[in-house]
Protein backbone atom coordinates (compact mmCIF):
# COMPACT_ATOMS: atom_id res chain seq x y z
CA MET A 1 -42.75 7.64 154.28
CA THR A 2 -40.69 8.81 156.96
CA GLU A 3 -36.87 7.87 157.56
CA SER A 4 -36.62 6.41 161.07
CA ARG A 5 -33.51 8.12 163.08
CA SER A 6 -31.99 5.58 165.25
CA PRO A 7 -31.04 7.74 168.64
CA GLU A 8 -27.31 9.63 168.94
CA SER A 9 -25.09 7.93 171.01
CA ILE A 10 -23.27 9.49 174.23
CA LEU A 11 -20.46 7.73 176.06
CA VAL A 12 -20.03 9.10 179.20
CA VAL A 13 -16.72 8.75 181.57
CA ASP A 14 -16.18 9.11 185.31
CA ASP A 15 -14.90 6.81 188.04
CA ASP A 16 -17.94 7.51 189.91
CA PRO A 17 -20.54 5.29 190.28
CA LEU A 18 -23.83 7.13 191.32
CA LEU A 19 -23.41 10.56 189.04
CA LEU A 20 -22.63 7.54 186.14
CA ARG A 21 -26.13 6.33 186.92
CA MET A 22 -27.69 10.07 187.58
CA THR A 23 -26.20 11.04 183.94
CA GLN A 24 -27.79 7.76 182.34
CA ILE A 25 -31.23 8.87 183.67
CA VAL A 26 -31.15 12.07 182.22
CA LEU A 27 -29.31 11.35 178.73
CA ASP A 28 -32.27 8.26 178.35
CA GLY A 29 -34.90 10.67 179.57
CA LEU A 30 -33.63 13.38 176.77
CA GLY A 31 -33.79 9.99 174.00
CA TYR A 32 -30.41 9.22 173.54
CA ARG A 33 -28.63 5.87 173.36
CA VAL A 34 -25.94 6.18 176.48
CA LEU A 35 -23.02 4.27 177.05
CA LEU A 36 -21.08 4.17 179.98
CA ALA A 37 -17.77 3.71 180.81
CA SER A 38 -16.23 3.99 184.73
CA SER A 39 -12.29 4.18 183.62
CA GLY A 40 -10.31 6.26 180.94
CA ARG A 41 -9.04 2.40 179.47
CA GLN A 42 -12.73 1.35 179.29
CA ALA A 43 -13.20 4.46 177.31
CA LEU A 44 -10.68 4.24 174.86
CA GLU A 45 -12.17 0.36 174.35
CA LEU A 46 -16.01 1.69 173.48
CA ILE A 47 -14.74 4.59 171.50
CA ALA A 48 -12.70 2.08 169.57
CA ALA A 49 -15.83 -0.52 169.60
CA GLU A 50 -17.86 2.54 168.59
CA ASP A 51 -15.48 3.57 165.51
CA GLY A 52 -16.65 6.67 164.83
CA LYS A 53 -20.45 6.43 165.04
CA LEU A 54 -20.36 8.39 168.58
CA GLU A 55 -22.09 11.71 168.78
CA LEU A 56 -20.43 12.95 172.07
CA VAL A 57 -18.14 11.80 174.84
CA VAL A 58 -18.97 13.61 178.36
CA LEU A 59 -15.56 13.53 179.37
CA ASP A 60 -14.50 13.84 183.35
CA LEU A 61 -10.56 14.79 183.41
CA ARG A 62 -10.05 13.52 186.95
CA MET A 63 -9.72 9.93 186.69
CA PRO A 64 -7.30 7.22 188.96
CA ASP A 65 -6.25 5.45 186.00
CA MET A 66 -5.78 7.38 183.01
CA ASP A 67 -6.49 11.59 182.87
CA GLY A 68 -9.35 12.65 180.59
CA MET A 69 -6.83 14.73 178.92
CA THR A 70 -4.76 11.45 177.91
CA VAL A 71 -8.47 9.77 176.75
CA LEU A 72 -9.52 13.05 174.53
CA ARG A 73 -5.32 13.14 172.58
CA GLU A 74 -6.04 9.16 172.09
CA ALA A 75 -9.68 9.30 170.94
CA ARG A 76 -8.91 12.56 168.73
CA GLY A 77 -5.62 10.68 167.39
CA ARG A 78 -8.16 8.28 165.79
CA PHE A 79 -10.89 10.38 165.28
CA PRO A 80 -10.27 13.87 164.99
CA ARG A 81 -13.88 14.87 164.58
CA LEU A 82 -14.83 13.60 168.17
CA ARG A 83 -16.65 16.30 170.20
CA VAL A 84 -16.02 15.47 173.80
CA LEU A 85 -17.33 17.75 176.65
CA LEU A 86 -15.15 17.92 179.12
CA VAL A 87 -16.37 17.87 182.86
CA THR A 88 -14.20 19.24 186.04
CA GLY A 89 -14.49 20.05 189.77
CA PHE A 90 -10.94 21.80 189.50
CA ALA A 91 -11.19 24.83 187.01
CA THR A 92 -8.68 27.26 187.55
CA ASP A 93 -8.32 29.66 184.76
CA ASN A 94 -5.41 28.38 183.56
CA VAL A 95 -7.17 25.03 183.74
CA LEU A 96 -10.39 26.75 181.78
CA GLN A 97 -7.78 28.08 179.17
CA ALA A 98 -5.92 24.95 178.60
CA LEU A 99 -9.32 23.09 178.38
CA ALA A 100 -10.10 25.27 175.51
CA GLU A 101 -7.64 24.97 173.75
CA SER A 102 -7.63 21.04 173.41
CA GLY A 103 -10.32 21.53 170.92
CA ALA A 104 -13.31 20.04 173.53
CA VAL A 105 -16.38 21.17 172.21
CA GLY A 106 -17.15 22.94 175.40
CA VAL A 107 -16.70 22.62 179.96
CA LEU A 108 -18.99 21.61 182.07
CA GLU A 109 -17.70 22.43 185.61
CA LYS A 110 -18.79 20.36 188.44
CA PRO A 111 -21.21 20.45 190.36
CA TYR A 112 -23.72 21.07 188.26
CA ASP A 113 -27.38 20.36 188.35
CA VAL A 114 -30.04 18.41 185.53
CA ASP A 115 -30.85 21.83 183.71
CA THR A 116 -27.42 22.80 183.36
CA PHE A 117 -26.06 19.57 182.37
CA ALA A 118 -28.96 18.54 179.76
CA ALA A 119 -28.12 21.94 178.50
CA ALA A 120 -24.67 21.49 178.11
CA VAL A 121 -24.96 18.41 176.21
CA GLN A 122 -27.42 19.66 173.70
CA LYS A 123 -25.35 22.46 172.93
CA ALA A 124 -22.25 19.77 172.20
CA MET A 125 -24.31 18.04 170.00
CA PRO A 126 -23.87 18.21 166.33
CA ALA A 127 -26.58 20.20 164.43
CA ARG A 128 -28.64 17.52 162.85
CA GLY A 129 -28.97 17.64 159.50
C-alpha cells in the first residue's frame, strides 16, 4: 500500500487581486494547496496559523501596509527554515544583492510569464524525500 501524500502548501502574498487569482490558477493546476494573502499582515497571520507547515511563501516586496522584507524578517523570526520566493518589479543591482543576502530561496522579477513562474516555484520548493 502506498502512502498518500497531502499536497504541498504554498502561500502567495500580493496586493494585486488579479495577480493573486492568476497565481492561484497556475499553482492549483500544478497540484499545490494554495493559500492567498493580500497584505503583509494577513500573510503573517496565515503563516502563524499554518505553524510551520508551509513549503513555500511567494512574497511580493511592494505592498501598501507592510513591505515584503518586513514580512520576511518577522516570519523568519518565528520560522527560521521558512522558504520564501521573493517577487519584485523594481529590481536594481543593489536591490537584488540585498535580496540575495536576505536568505530567500529565489527572486522572481516582474513581469513574468506562467512558465517562468512555474519553474521558479518548482525550483524553490524543498526536495521531496
